[in-house]
Each structure stands twice: as C-alpha cells, then as structure tokens.
C-alpha cells in the first residue's frame, strides 16, 4: 500500500510545486493523497438508481423473493444433516449471495460509468492555473452492464459494447475541448492496462502446446498490445499510428514531459526519443502468501513488431 501511494503521489509532488492544479478521479488504490489534490466524490448509488429505474429494481427484488421462498421451502423439507449445506453463514443456497453480487456489480460499474459521463463537468476551462486531470476506470471489465443506449442493464452489454461506449464518451470530451478552443494546447493521454486477443492470435506454436490452459491468451500479441493514444501540446489534426515500441508503463514519463525538469523519475518519454527497446513477455504462477516467489512458465524477448512471430525469442 505504501508503494502504491508513492506511485500516485509522483504527479502531485512534481506538478503542484510548479503551480499546477491537480484532480484525481477515482484513484483506485490511493489511500493517502496530498491535501492539495482535488478528489471529487461521486454518489454512484443515486446515479445508478436514476439510470436503472424503479421498475428494474422491482424486477430484481421480485426475482430474489421467489428464489428465497424456494430456498426456504427446500430447507424446511430437508433432513437435519442437509440443512447446514442449504443455509450457512447467512447464505440461503447461494441465493442471497448471488443477488447481492449482482447489486454490488451494478454499483461498481455505475461508479465507473458515472465518473466518465460526468468528467466533462470538471474540465473548468476558466481555470487560472495549468491543470492536470487523471481518471482511472474499470471499464470494460466484467460485469458488462453498459448497454448501447448508455444505461446499465443486465444481459444487454458485452466487452465490445463497453469498449465502444467508453471511446465514444472520450470522443465527446475531446470535442468539448475543441469547442472551448483549448484542444490544441491540451495534452491527452489515453491508455488501457492490456489489449485483447484477436481470433487465432496465438501465432507461436508453443502458446497452445507448452503453456497451461488459460495462459496462452496472455502470451498473445493482442494481450501485450495495450491501447496508447497520445496527443501532445500545440498539436492538432487526425491521430496517426506509430510503430514505435511503447507501453502503458511509459505513461508517467509521457505526462511528466510537460514539466521542464520532468518528475524526477528515470524513465524517458518515448514519443520524443528513439529508443532501442526489448520487451520481455512472461507467464508465471505465484504463491506470494506462502513462499514469496513467482514461478516462471515461459518467457520471450520481443523486439520491434510484436505481431511478427520471427521477432519473438524463447528465453525459457
């Protein structure tokens, strides 16, 4: 936890002394941000209720009541030695736990979606200071609830729909920056934590023969190719694709290049420097609670284009 807080404080410790105003939206793992950092709170329960509607909540409640009546009936008819399996630690045959999990999922996704849809309200174009705004979201992680019309609905969403809706909303925010006349002098960095495997993306033969089931996806070119979009200050026009070797680990250096002296970190901004780089892709299992060790299953070094199997060299 201490290391996580230290990482979150890199930006505040560097930008605030240089006269910047900083806002952190939903810093997922931060517990000790400097008092100068704006940290908006968001009542996602109210947001969720207003989007889901009372009718949807009543349907969920009715379904829960029917399941509970069924579970209680089975409990009453069961012999004594079976009752503990049907009712244990407040859970009726998994009914309450399952419904509560759905409700928790709705609040969780409602919080993320709410932050993104209200983010533009905090853009404050009339600020007298330079501003840095950082937002962290769990979209489009499961459970997928954001539908094509932007509401939260079970059974009407998917990874692809949520990805599209998230990018659509980001596009709306960028358009608002343009209309306000500040887009050209705004730096924008958008990043995902990882990519997604494409069909038949496991192009190396060992991905499916030597890697345990489930790990072959993590070794695919898609998974190690996260979305990274950078628009620098004093730039405009269409986004262009670059084949430079970059990753989401470059984000701090890219952001900190806005300061003359950076953020006192060793990383180099790859958008402004040509770097001869090598990527190491590793799959591993771990039992950190027991032996504090990672067990490496496979490791490859990759240079240049990650989608060319010839560029992957087996190390282990």
C-alpha atoms as a PDB file:
ATOM      1  CA  UNK A   1       0.000   0.000   0.000  1.00  0.00           C
ATOM      2  CA  UNK A   2       2.848   2.374   0.799  1.00  0.00           C
ATOM      3  CA  UNK A   3       4.391   1.797  -2.637  1.00  0.00           C
ATOM      4  CA  UNK A   4       1.031   2.392  -4.352  1.00  0.00           C
ATOM      5  CA  UNK A   5       0.561   5.709  -2.570  1.00  0.00           C
ATOM      6  CA  UNK A   6       4.101   6.681  -3.506  1.00  0.00           C
ATOM      7  CA  UNK A   7       3.300   5.994  -7.165  1.00  0.00           C
ATOM      8  CA  UNK A   8       0.092   8.061  -7.059  1.00  0.00           C
ATOM      9  CA  UNK A   9       1.991  10.963  -5.495  1.00  0.00           C
ATOM     10  CA  UNK A  10       4.541  11.254  -8.329  1.00  0.00           C
ATOM     11  CA  UNK A  11       2.343  13.686 -10.263  1.00  0.00           C
ATOM     12  CA  UNK A  12       1.208  15.831  -7.291  1.00  0.00           C
ATOM     13  CA  UNK A  13       4.738  16.119  -5.898  1.00  0.00           C
ATOM     14  CA  UNK A  14       6.034  17.334  -9.260  1.00  0.00           C
ATOM     15  CA  UNK A  15       3.178  19.389 -10.707  1.00  0.00           C
ATOM     16  CA  UNK A  16       1.797  21.208  -7.644  1.00  0.00           C
ATOM     17  CA  UNK A  17       5.098  22.984  -6.802  1.00  0.00           C
ATOM     18  CA  UNK A  18       5.144  24.140 -10.431  1.00  0.00           C
ATOM     19  CA  UNK A  19       1.792  25.884  -9.976  1.00  0.00           C
ATOM     20  CA  UNK A  20      -0.500  23.226 -11.452  1.00  0.00           C
ATOM     21  CA  UNK A  21      -3.963  22.348 -10.216  1.00  0.00           C
ATOM     22  CA  UNK A  22      -4.415  18.534  -9.954  1.00  0.00           C
ATOM     23  CA  UNK A  23      -7.582  16.434  -9.834  1.00  0.00           C
ATOM     24  CA  UNK A  24      -7.562  12.659  -9.302  1.00  0.00           C
ATOM     25  CA  UNK A  25     -10.832  10.960 -10.228  1.00  0.00           C
ATOM     26  CA  UNK A  26     -11.316   7.561  -8.652  1.00  0.00           C
ATOM     27  CA  UNK A  27      -7.674   6.726  -7.777  1.00  0.00           C
ATOM     28  CA  UNK A  28      -8.405   3.051  -7.233  1.00  0.00           C
ATOM     29  CA  UNK A  29      -5.575   2.134  -4.867  1.00  0.00           C
ATOM     30  CA  UNK A  30      -4.603   5.500  -3.369  1.00  0.00           C
ATOM     31  CA  UNK A  31      -5.271   5.976   0.334  1.00  0.00           C
ATOM     32  CA  UNK A  32      -3.082   8.963   1.164  1.00  0.00           C
ATOM     33  CA  UNK A  33      -3.186  11.700  -1.467  1.00  0.00           C
ATOM     34  CA  UNK A  34      -1.784  15.170  -0.632  1.00  0.00           C
ATOM     35  CA  UNK A  35      -4.419  17.566   0.661  1.00  0.00           C
ATOM     36  CA  UNK A  36      -3.813  19.876  -2.330  1.00  0.00           C
ATOM     37  CA  UNK A  37      -5.118  17.229  -4.732  1.00  0.00           C
ATOM     38  CA  UNK A  38      -8.772  17.570  -5.729  1.00  0.00           C
ATOM     39  CA  UNK A  39     -10.508  14.219  -5.261  1.00  0.00           C
ATOM     40  CA  UNK A  40     -14.188  14.531  -6.296  1.00  0.00           C
ATOM     41  CA  UNK A  41     -16.641  12.213  -4.596  1.00  0.00           C
ATOM     42  CA  UNK A  42     -19.413  10.675  -6.610  1.00  0.00           C
ATOM     43  CA  UNK A  43     -22.698   9.289  -5.296  1.00  0.00           C
ATOM     44  CA  UNK A  44     -22.875   6.376  -7.724  1.00  0.00           C
ATOM     45  CA  UNK A  45     -25.880   4.876  -5.948  1.00  0.00           C
ATOM     46  CA  UNK A  46     -28.004   7.864  -6.930  1.00  0.00           C
ATOM     47  CA  UNK A  47     -26.576   7.771 -10.435  1.00  0.00           C
ATOM     48  CA  UNK A  48     -27.310   4.084 -10.747  1.00  0.00           C
ATOM     49  CA  UNK A  49     -30.868   4.356  -9.427  1.00  0.00           C
ATOM     50  CA  UNK A  50     -31.660   7.199 -11.818  1.00  0.00           C
ATOM     51  CA  UNK A  51     -30.382   5.157 -14.798  1.00  0.00           C
ATOM     52  CA  UNK A  52     -31.676   1.714 -13.877  1.00  0.00           C
ATOM     53  CA  UNK A  53     -35.140   2.864 -12.810  1.00  0.00           C
ATOM     54  CA  UNK A  54     -37.514   1.642 -10.130  1.00  0.00           C
ATOM     55  CA  UNK A  55     -39.093  -0.904 -12.483  1.00  0.00           C
ATOM     56  CA  UNK A  56     -35.777  -2.693 -12.930  1.00  0.00           C
ATOM     57  CA  UNK A  57     -35.145  -2.744  -9.200  1.00  0.00           C
ATOM     58  CA  UNK A  58     -38.604  -4.155  -8.549  1.00  0.00           C
ATOM     59  CA  UNK A  59     -37.975  -6.957 -11.062  1.00  0.00           C
ATOM     60  CA  UNK A  60     -34.724  -7.801  -9.298  1.00  0.00           C
ATOM     61  CA  UNK A  61     -36.451  -7.716  -5.916  1.00  0.00           C
ATOM     62  CA  UNK A  62     -39.306  -9.963  -7.103  1.00  0.00           C
ATOM     63  CA  UNK A  63     -36.865 -12.484  -8.587  1.00  0.00           C
ATOM     64  CA  UNK A  64     -34.954 -12.522  -5.310  1.00  0.00           C
ATOM     65  CA  UNK A  65     -38.129 -13.106  -3.267  1.00  0.00           C
ATOM     66  CA  UNK A  66     -39.179 -16.064  -5.433  1.00  0.00           C
ATOM     67  CA  UNK A  67     -35.735 -17.632  -5.130  1.00  0.00           C
ATOM     68  CA  UNK A  68     -35.750 -17.113  -1.378  1.00  0.00           C
ATOM     69  CA  UNK A  69     -39.184 -18.771  -0.980  1.00  0.00           C
ATOM     70  CA  UNK A  70     -37.938 -21.750  -2.964  1.00  0.00           C
ATOM     71  CA  UNK A  71     -34.732 -21.991  -0.883  1.00  0.00           C
ATOM     72  CA  UNK A  72     -36.648 -21.781   2.427  1.00  0.00           C
ATOM     73  CA  UNK A  73     -39.104 -24.446   1.263  1.00  0.00           C
ATOM     74  CA  UNK A  74     -36.279 -26.845   0.395  1.00  0.00           C
ATOM     75  CA  UNK A  75     -34.668 -26.067   3.761  1.00  0.00           C
ATOM     76  CA  UNK A  76     -37.823 -26.973   5.709  1.00  0.00           C
ATOM     77  CA  UNK A  77     -38.241 -30.284   3.894  1.00  0.00           C
ATOM     78  CA  UNK A  78     -34.594 -31.347   4.176  1.00  0.00           C
ATOM     79  CA  UNK A  79     -33.215 -33.656   6.905  1.00  0.00           C
ATOM     80  CA  UNK A  80     -31.119 -32.074   9.645  1.00  0.00           C
ATOM     81  CA  UNK A  81     -27.742 -33.123   8.243  1.00  0.00           C
ATOM     82  CA  UNK A  82     -28.558 -31.303   4.971  1.00  0.00           C
ATOM     83  CA  UNK A  83     -29.706 -28.024   6.496  1.00  0.00           C
ATOM     84  CA  UNK A  84     -26.180 -26.703   7.068  1.00  0.00           C
ATOM     85  CA  UNK A  85     -25.438 -27.046   3.363  1.00  0.00           C
ATOM     86  CA  UNK A  86     -28.596 -25.155   2.442  1.00  0.00           C
ATOM     87  CA  UNK A  87     -28.134 -22.362   4.972  1.00  0.00           C
ATOM     88  CA  UNK A  88     -24.649 -21.344   6.020  1.00  0.00           C
ATOM     89  CA  UNK A  89     -23.235 -18.004   7.168  1.00  0.00           C
ATOM     90  CA  UNK A  90     -26.336 -16.080   6.154  1.00  0.00           C
ATOM     91  CA  UNK A  91     -26.486 -17.585   2.671  1.00  0.00           C
ATOM     92  CA  UNK A  92     -29.612 -19.442   1.544  1.00  0.00           C
ATOM     93  CA  UNK A  93     -28.398 -21.915  -1.088  1.00  0.00           C
ATOM     94  CA  UNK A  94     -26.348 -19.137  -2.647  1.00  0.00           C
ATOM     95  CA  UNK A  95     -29.482 -17.091  -3.396  1.00  0.00           C
ATOM     96  CA  UNK A  96     -28.705 -14.056  -1.260  1.00  0.00           C
ATOM     97  CA  UNK A  97     -25.040 -14.136  -2.197  1.00  0.00           C
ATOM     98  CA  UNK A  98     -25.859 -14.295  -5.907  1.00  0.00           C
ATOM     99  CA  UNK A  99     -28.357 -11.431  -5.828  1.00  0.00           C
ATOM    100  CA  UNK A 100     -26.119  -9.306  -3.625  1.00  0.00           C
ATOM    101  CA  UNK A 101     -23.261  -9.925  -6.043  1.00  0.00           C
ATOM    102  CA  UNK A 102     -25.428  -8.547  -8.851  1.00  0.00           C
ATOM    103  CA  UNK A 103     -26.326  -5.469  -6.830  1.00  0.00           C
ATOM    104  CA  UNK A 104     -22.677  -4.868  -5.892  1.00  0.00           C
ATOM    105  CA  UNK A 105     -21.741  -5.259  -9.560  1.00  0.00           C
ATOM    106  CA  UNK A 106     -24.267  -2.600 -10.554  1.00  0.00           C
ATOM    107  CA  UNK A 107     -22.880  -0.117  -8.023  1.00  0.00           C
ATOM    108  CA  UNK A 108     -19.319  -0.925  -9.090  1.00  0.00           C
ATOM    109  CA  UNK A 109     -19.978  -0.364 -12.783  1.00  0.00           C
ATOM    110  CA  UNK A 110     -22.312   2.557 -12.101  1.00  0.00           C
ATOM    111  CA  UNK A 111     -19.494   4.283 -10.240  1.00  0.00           C
ATOM    112  CA  UNK A 112     -17.041   3.952 -13.118  1.00  0.00           C
ATOM    113  CA  UNK A 113     -19.555   4.888 -15.799  1.00  0.00           C
ATOM    114  CA  UNK A 114     -20.787   7.782 -13.713  1.00  0.00           C
ATOM    115  CA  UNK A 115     -17.294   9.212 -13.320  1.00  0.00           C
ATOM    116  CA  UNK A 116     -16.672   9.046 -17.063  1.00  0.00           C
ATOM    117  CA  UNK A 117     -20.025  10.589 -18.024  1.00  0.00           C
ATOM    118  CA  UNK A 118     -19.626  13.461 -15.543  1.00  0.00           C
ATOM    119  CA  UNK A 119     -15.894  14.017 -16.155  1.00  0.00           C
ATOM    120  CA  UNK A 120     -16.550  16.882 -18.576  1.00  0.00           C
ATOM    121  CA  UNK A 121     -18.299  18.804 -15.794  1.00  0.00           C
ATOM    122  CA  UNK A 122     -14.920  19.180 -14.097  1.00  0.00           C
ATOM    123  CA  UNK A 123     -12.957  20.456 -17.100  1.00  0.00           C
ATOM    124  CA  UNK A 124     -13.116  24.079 -15.801  1.00  0.00           C
ATOM    125  CA  UNK A 125     -11.968  25.924 -18.935  1.00  0.00           C
ATOM    126  CA  UNK A 126     -11.759  29.182 -16.961  1.00  0.00           C
ATOM    127  CA  UNK A 127      -9.055  27.930 -14.585  1.00  0.00           C
ATOM    128  CA  UNK A 128      -6.305  30.455 -13.864  1.00  0.00           C
ATOM    129  CA  UNK A 129      -3.787  27.607 -13.430  1.00  0.00           C
ATOM    130  CA  UNK A 130      -2.483  24.874 -15.648  1.00  0.00           C
ATOM    131  CA  UNK A 131      -4.462  21.739 -14.833  1.00  0.00           C
ATOM    132  CA  UNK A 132      -3.782  18.015 -14.756  1.00  0.00           C
ATOM    133  CA  UNK A 133      -6.758  15.674 -14.534  1.00  0.00           C
ATOM    134  CA  UNK A 134      -6.287  11.950 -14.021  1.00  0.00           C
ATOM    135  CA  UNK A 135      -9.143   9.458 -14.189  1.00  0.00           C
ATOM    136  CA  UNK A 136      -8.914   5.701 -13.573  1.00  0.00           C
ATOM    137  CA  UNK A 137     -11.743   3.417 -14.656  1.00  0.00           C
ATOM    138  CA  UNK A 138     -12.569  -0.281 -14.576  1.00  0.00           C
ATOM    139  CA  UNK A 139     -14.321  -0.200 -17.936  1.00  0.00           C
ATOM    140  CA  UNK A 140     -14.812  -2.532 -19.782  1.00  0.00           C
ATOM    141  CA  UNK A 141     -14.019  -5.147 -17.129  1.00  0.00           C
ATOM    142  CA  UNK A 142     -16.725  -7.588 -16.127  1.00  0.00           C
ATOM    143  CA  UNK A 143     -19.534  -7.444 -15.240  1.00  0.00           C
ATOM    144  CA  UNK A 144     -20.535  -5.903 -18.570  1.00  0.00           C
ATOM    145  CA  UNK A 145     -23.596  -3.768 -17.897  1.00  0.00           C
ATOM    146  CA  UNK A 146     -23.331  -0.675 -20.085  1.00  0.00           C
ATOM    147  CA  UNK A 147     -25.780  -1.085 -22.974  1.00  0.00           C
ATOM    148  CA  UNK A 148     -25.737   0.569 -26.393  1.00  0.00           C
ATOM    149  CA  UNK A 149     -28.007   3.371 -25.157  1.00  0.00           C
ATOM    150  CA  UNK A 150     -25.684   4.158 -22.232  1.00  0.00           C
ATOM    151  CA  UNK A 151     -27.838   2.674 -19.477  1.00  0.00           C
ATOM    152  CA  UNK A 152     -26.896  -0.090 -17.038  1.00  0.00           C
ATOM    153  CA  UNK A 153     -28.709  -3.287 -17.971  1.00  0.00           C
ATOM    154  CA  UNK A 154     -28.050  -6.981 -17.384  1.00  0.00           C
ATOM    155  CA  UNK A 155     -27.861  -9.127 -20.489  1.00  0.00           C
ATOM    156  CA  UNK A 156     -27.619  -6.205 -22.918  1.00  0.00           C
ATOM    157  CA  UNK A 157     -23.916  -5.494 -22.915  1.00  0.00           C
ATOM    158  CA  UNK A 158     -20.552  -7.002 -23.745  1.00  0.00           C
ATOM    159  CA  UNK A 159     -16.825  -6.246 -23.709  1.00  0.00           C
ATOM    160  CA  UNK A 160     -17.142  -4.779 -27.199  1.00  0.00           C
ATOM    161  CA  UNK A 161     -20.157  -2.595 -26.413  1.00  0.00           C
ATOM    162  CA  UNK A 162     -18.498  -1.181 -23.302  1.00  0.00           C
ATOM    163  CA  UNK A 163     -15.256  -0.538 -25.181  1.00  0.00           C
ATOM    164  CA  UNK A 164     -17.184   1.324 -27.876  1.00  0.00           C
ATOM    165  CA  UNK A 165     -19.253   3.349 -25.394  1.00  0.00           C
ATOM    166  CA  UNK A 166     -16.151   4.316 -23.405  1.00  0.00           C
ATOM    167  CA  UNK A 167     -14.290   5.501 -26.500  1.00  0.00           C
ATOM    168  CA  UNK A 168     -17.437   7.272 -27.702  1.00  0.00           C
ATOM    169  CA  UNK A 169     -17.646   9.206 -24.434  1.00  0.00           C
ATOM    170  CA  UNK A 170     -13.938  10.066 -24.600  1.00  0.00           C
ATOM    171  CA  UNK A 171     -14.561  11.369 -28.127  1.00  0.00           C
ATOM    172  CA  UNK A 172     -17.341  13.611 -26.813  1.00  0.00           C
ATOM    173  CA  UNK A 173     -14.971  15.022 -24.182  1.00  0.00           C
ATOM    174  CA  UNK A 174     -12.334  15.762 -26.848  1.00  0.00           C
ATOM    175  CA  UNK A 175     -14.973  17.504 -28.969  1.00  0.00           C
ATOM    176  CA  UNK A 176     -15.879  19.654 -25.987  1.00  0.00           C
ATOM    177  CA  UNK A 177     -12.221  20.648 -25.646  1.00  0.00           C
ATOM    178  CA  UNK A 178     -12.240  21.680 -29.309  1.00  0.00           C
ATOM    179  CA  UNK A 179     -15.416  23.753 -28.964  1.00  0.00           C
ATOM    180  CA  UNK A 180     -13.912  25.513 -25.951  1.00  0.00           C
ATOM    181  CA  UNK A 181     -10.829  26.380 -28.012  1.00  0.00           C
ATOM    182  CA  UNK A 182      -8.360  24.604 -25.712  1.00  0.00           C
ATOM    183  CA  UNK A 183      -7.856  21.290 -27.538  1.00  0.00           C
ATOM    184  CA  UNK A 184      -4.701  22.365 -29.402  1.00  0.00           C
ATOM    185  CA  UNK A 185      -2.975  23.390 -26.160  1.00  0.00           C
ATOM    186  CA  UNK A 186      -4.092  20.351 -24.187  1.00  0.00           C
ATOM    187  CA  UNK A 187      -2.088  17.154 -23.788  1.00  0.00           C
ATOM    188  CA  UNK A 188      -4.214  13.999 -23.837  1.00  0.00           C
ATOM    189  CA  UNK A 189      -3.015  10.536 -22.810  1.00  0.00           C
ATOM    190  CA  UNK A 190      -5.372   7.538 -23.038  1.00  0.00           C
ATOM    191  CA  UNK A 191      -4.185   4.080 -22.040  1.00  0.00           C
ATOM    192  CA  UNK A 192      -5.572   0.619 -21.295  1.00  0.00           C
ATOM    193  CA  UNK A 193      -3.937  -1.903 -18.981  1.00  0.00           C
ATOM    194  CA  UNK A 194      -3.718  -4.527 -21.729  1.00  0.00           C
ATOM    195  CA  UNK A 195      -5.071  -5.424 -25.151  1.00  0.00           C
ATOM    196  CA  UNK A 196      -7.439  -8.196 -26.149  1.00  0.00           C
ATOM    197  CA  UNK A 197      -6.573 -11.359 -28.119  1.00  0.00           C
ATOM    198  CA  UNK A 198      -7.749 -11.483 -31.680  1.00  0.00           C
ATOM    199  CA  UNK A 199      -9.112 -14.717 -33.196  1.00  0.00           C
ATOM    200  CA  UNK A 200      -6.255 -17.144 -33.901  1.00  0.00           C
ATOM    201  CA  UNK A 201      -3.825 -14.698 -32.319  1.00  0.00           C
ATOM    202  CA  UNK A 202      -1.675 -17.419 -30.721  1.00  0.00           C
ATOM    203  CA  UNK A 203       0.769 -17.456 -33.604  1.00  0.00           C
ATOM    204  CA  UNK A 204       3.642 -19.156 -31.774  1.00  0.00           C
ATOM    205  CA  UNK A 205       3.245 -22.991 -31.689  1.00  0.00           C
ATOM    206  CA  UNK A 206       4.225 -23.288 -28.018  1.00  0.00           C
ATOM    207  CA  UNK A 207       1.407 -20.978 -26.934  1.00  0.00           C
ATOM    208  CA  UNK A 208      -1.097 -23.814 -27.106  1.00  0.00           C
ATOM    209  CA  UNK A 209       1.163 -26.820 -26.509  1.00  0.00           C
ATOM    210  CA  UNK A 210       3.504 -25.875 -23.678  1.00  0.00           C
ATOM    211  CA  UNK A 211       1.637 -23.116 -21.831  1.00  0.00           C
ATOM    212  CA  UNK A 212      -1.019 -24.237 -19.293  1.00  0.00           C
ATOM    213  CA  UNK A 213      -4.601 -23.698 -20.324  1.00  0.00           C
ATOM    214  CA  UNK A 214      -5.605 -20.060 -19.979  1.00  0.00           C
ATOM    215  CA  UNK A 215      -2.059 -18.718 -20.203  1.00  0.00           C
ATOM    216  CA  UNK A 216      -1.844 -18.883 -23.990  1.00  0.00           C
ATOM    217  CA  UNK A 217      -4.099 -15.812 -24.263  1.00  0.00           C
ATOM    218  CA  UNK A 218      -1.789 -13.812 -22.021  1.00  0.00           C
ATOM    219  CA  UNK A 219       1.116 -14.613 -24.342  1.00  0.00           C
ATOM    220  CA  UNK A 220      -0.737 -13.472 -27.440  1.00  0.00           C
ATOM    221  CA  UNK A 221       0.207 -10.378 -29.404  1.00  0.00           C
ATOM    222  CA  UNK A 222      -3.159  -8.802 -28.629  1.00  0.00           C
ATOM    223  CA  UNK A 223      -2.840  -9.056 -24.871  1.00  0.00           C
ATOM    224  CA  UNK A 224       0.580  -7.402 -24.772  1.00  0.00           C
ATOM    225  CA  UNK A 225      -0.551  -4.584 -27.064  1.00  0.00           C
ATOM    226  CA  UNK A 226      -2.489  -2.106 -24.889  1.00  0.00           C
ATOM    227  CA  UNK A 227      -4.224   0.935 -26.300  1.00  0.00           C
ATOM    228  CA  UNK A 228      -1.980   4.002 -26.009  1.00  0.00           C
ATOM    229  CA  UNK A 229      -3.122   7.303 -27.516  1.00  0.00           C
ATOM    230  CA  UNK A 230      -1.080  10.469 -27.055  1.00  0.00           C
ATOM    231  CA  UNK A 231      -1.895  13.966 -28.299  1.00  0.00           C
ATOM    232  CA  UNK A 232       0.787  16.456 -27.356  1.00  0.00           C
ATOM    233  CA  UNK A 233       0.560  20.179 -26.643  1.00  0.00           C
ATOM    234  CA  UNK A 234       0.396  22.504 -29.645  1.00  0.00           C
ATOM    235  CA  UNK A 235      -0.810  19.757 -31.951  1.00  0.00           C
ATOM    236  CA  UNK A 236      -3.996  19.192 -33.897  1.00  0.00           C
ATOM    237  CA  UNK A 237      -5.377  17.106 -36.715  1.00  0.00           C
ATOM    238  CA  UNK A 238      -6.081  13.395 -37.025  1.00  0.00           C
ATOM    239  CA  UNK A 239      -4.406  10.823 -34.803  1.00  0.00           C
ATOM    240  CA  UNK A 240      -1.651   8.867 -36.549  1.00  0.00           C
ATOM    241  CA  UNK A 241      -0.498   5.309 -35.907  1.00  0.00           C
ATOM    242  CA  UNK A 242       3.095   4.902 -34.738  1.00  0.00           C
ATOM    243  CA  UNK A 243       5.070   1.665 -34.720  1.00  0.00           C
ATOM    244  CA  UNK A 244       7.433   2.865 -32.024  1.00  0.00           C
ATOM    245  CA  UNK A 245       7.909   0.368 -29.222  1.00  0.00           C
ATOM    246  CA  UNK A 246       5.909   1.857 -26.337  1.00  0.00           C
ATOM    247  CA  UNK A 247       3.789   0.525 -23.483  1.00  0.00           C
ATOM    248  CA  UNK A 248       1.455   1.718 -20.759  1.00  0.00           C
ATOM    249  CA  UNK A 249       4.491   1.807 -18.429  1.00  0.00           C
ATOM    250  CA  UNK A 250       5.587   4.876 -20.420  1.00  0.00           C
ATOM    251  CA  UNK A 251       2.611   6.965 -19.298  1.00  0.00           C
ATOM    252  CA  UNK A 252       4.342   8.667 -16.318  1.00  0.00           C
ATOM    253  CA  UNK A 253       7.273   9.780 -18.496  1.00  0.00           C
ATOM    254  CA  UNK A 254       4.910  10.976 -21.242  1.00  0.00           C
ATOM    255  CA  UNK A 255       2.857  13.024 -18.766  1.00  0.00           C
ATOM    256  CA  UNK A 256       5.888  14.345 -16.892  1.00  0.00           C
ATOM    257  CA  UNK A 257       7.464  15.658 -20.084  1.00  0.00           C
ATOM    258  CA  UNK A 258       5.029  18.564 -19.681  1.00  0.00           C
ATOM    259  CA  UNK A 259       7.403  19.867 -16.999  1.00  0.00           C
ATOM    260  CA  UNK A 260      10.802  21.271 -17.868  1.00  0.00           C
ATOM    261  CA  UNK A 261      12.586  19.072 -15.332  1.00  0.00           C
ATOM    262  CA  UNK A 262      10.164  16.134 -15.514  1.00  0.00           C
ATOM    263  CA  UNK A 263       9.015  14.414 -12.312  1.00  0.00           C
ATOM    264  CA  UNK A 264      12.398  13.284 -11.031  1.00  0.00           C
ATOM    265  CA  UNK A 265      11.916   9.808 -12.496  1.00  0.00           C
ATOM    266  CA  UNK A 266      14.402   7.846 -14.596  1.00  0.00           C
ATOM    267  CA  UNK A 267      12.010   6.922 -17.418  1.00  0.00           C
ATOM    268  CA  UNK A 268      12.365   8.602 -20.819  1.00  0.00           C
ATOM    269  CA  UNK A 269       9.441   9.824 -22.911  1.00  0.00           C
ATOM    270  CA  UNK A 270       9.490   7.517 -25.975  1.00  0.00           C
ATOM    271  CA  UNK A 271       7.339   9.897 -28.019  1.00  0.00           C
ATOM    272  CA  UNK A 272      10.244  12.360 -28.065  1.00  0.00           C
ATOM    273  CA  UNK A 273      13.165   9.906 -28.134  1.00  0.00           C
ATOM    274  CA  UNK A 274      14.154   6.996 -30.350  1.00  0.00           C
ATOM    275  CA  UNK A 275      14.834   4.072 -28.050  1.00  0.00           C
ATOM    276  CA  UNK A 276      16.272   0.670 -28.866  1.00  0.00           C
ATOM    277  CA  UNK A 277      13.984  -1.423 -26.721  1.00  0.00           C
ATOM    278  CA  UNK A 278      13.320  -5.028 -25.867  1.00  0.00           C
ATOM    279  CA  UNK A 279      10.100  -6.388 -24.387  1.00  0.00           C
ATOM    280  CA  UNK A 280      10.075  -9.394 -22.078  1.00  0.00           C
ATOM    281  CA  UNK A 281       6.795 -11.304 -22.053  1.00  0.00           C
ATOM    282  CA  UNK A 282       6.432 -13.719 -19.148  1.00  0.00           C
ATOM    283  CA  UNK A 283       3.723 -16.008 -17.865  1.00  0.00           C
ATOM    284  CA  UNK A 284       4.015 -17.177 -14.300  1.00  0.00           C
ATOM    285  CA  UNK A 285       2.226 -18.621 -11.333  1.00  0.00           C
ATOM    286  CA  UNK A 286       2.759 -17.365  -7.821  1.00  0.00           C
ATOM    287  CA  UNK A 287       2.166 -18.243  -4.224  1.00  0.00           C
ATOM    288  CA  UNK A 288       3.206 -14.996  -2.613  1.00  0.00           C
ATOM    289  CA  UNK A 289       1.490 -15.751   0.673  1.00  0.00           C
ATOM    290  CA  UNK A 290       3.489 -18.953   1.117  1.00  0.00           C
ATOM    291  CA  UNK A 291       6.946 -18.670  -0.417  1.00  0.00           C
ATOM    292  CA  UNK A 292       7.017 -15.096  -1.822  1.00  0.00           C
ATOM    293  CA  UNK A 293       8.070 -16.430  -5.221  1.00  0.00           C
ATOM    294  CA  UNK A 294       6.973 -16.303  -8.845  1.00  0.00           C
ATOM    295  CA  UNK A 295       7.306 -19.475 -10.884  1.00  0.00           C
ATOM    296  CA  UNK A 296       8.096 -18.550 -14.482  1.00  0.00           C
ATOM    297  CA  UNK A 297       6.360 -20.810 -17.008  1.00  0.00           C
ATOM    298  CA  UNK A 298       7.586 -19.253 -20.221  1.00  0.00           C
ATOM    299  CA  UNK A 299       9.495 -16.119 -21.136  1.00  0.00           C
ATOM    300  CA  UNK A 300      10.164 -14.481 -24.502  1.00  0.00           C
ATOM    301  CA  UNK A 301      12.082 -11.408 -25.556  1.00  0.00           C
ATOM    302  CA  UNK A 302      10.473  -9.376 -28.328  1.00  0.00           C
ATOM    303  CA  UNK A 303      11.965  -6.656 -30.481  1.00  0.00           C
ATOM    304  CA  UNK A 304      10.190  -4.329 -32.892  1.00  0.00           C
ATOM    305  CA  UNK A 305       6.806  -5.524 -34.201  1.00  0.00           C
ATOM    306  CA  UNK A 306       5.197  -7.827 -31.620  1.00  0.00           C
ATOM    307  CA  UNK A 307       2.819  -9.277 -34.233  1.00  0.00           C
ATOM    308  CA  UNK A 308       5.660 -10.856 -36.200  1.00  0.00           C
ATOM    309  CA  UNK A 309       6.440 -14.297 -34.731  1.00  0.00           C
ATOM    310  CA  UNK A 310      10.035 -14.033 -36.010  1.00  0.00           C
ATOM    311  CA  UNK A 311      10.653 -11.239 -33.507  1.00  0.00           C
ATOM    312  CA  UNK A 312       9.882 -13.500 -30.522  1.00  0.00           C
ATOM    313  CA  UNK A 313      12.892 -15.284 -28.995  1.00  0.00           C
ATOM    314  CA  UNK A 314      12.286 -18.018 -26.443  1.00  0.00           C
ATOM    315  CA  UNK A 315      14.291 -17.443 -23.228  1.00  0.00           C
ATOM    316  CA  UNK A 316      12.724 -20.146 -21.091  1.00  0.00           C
END
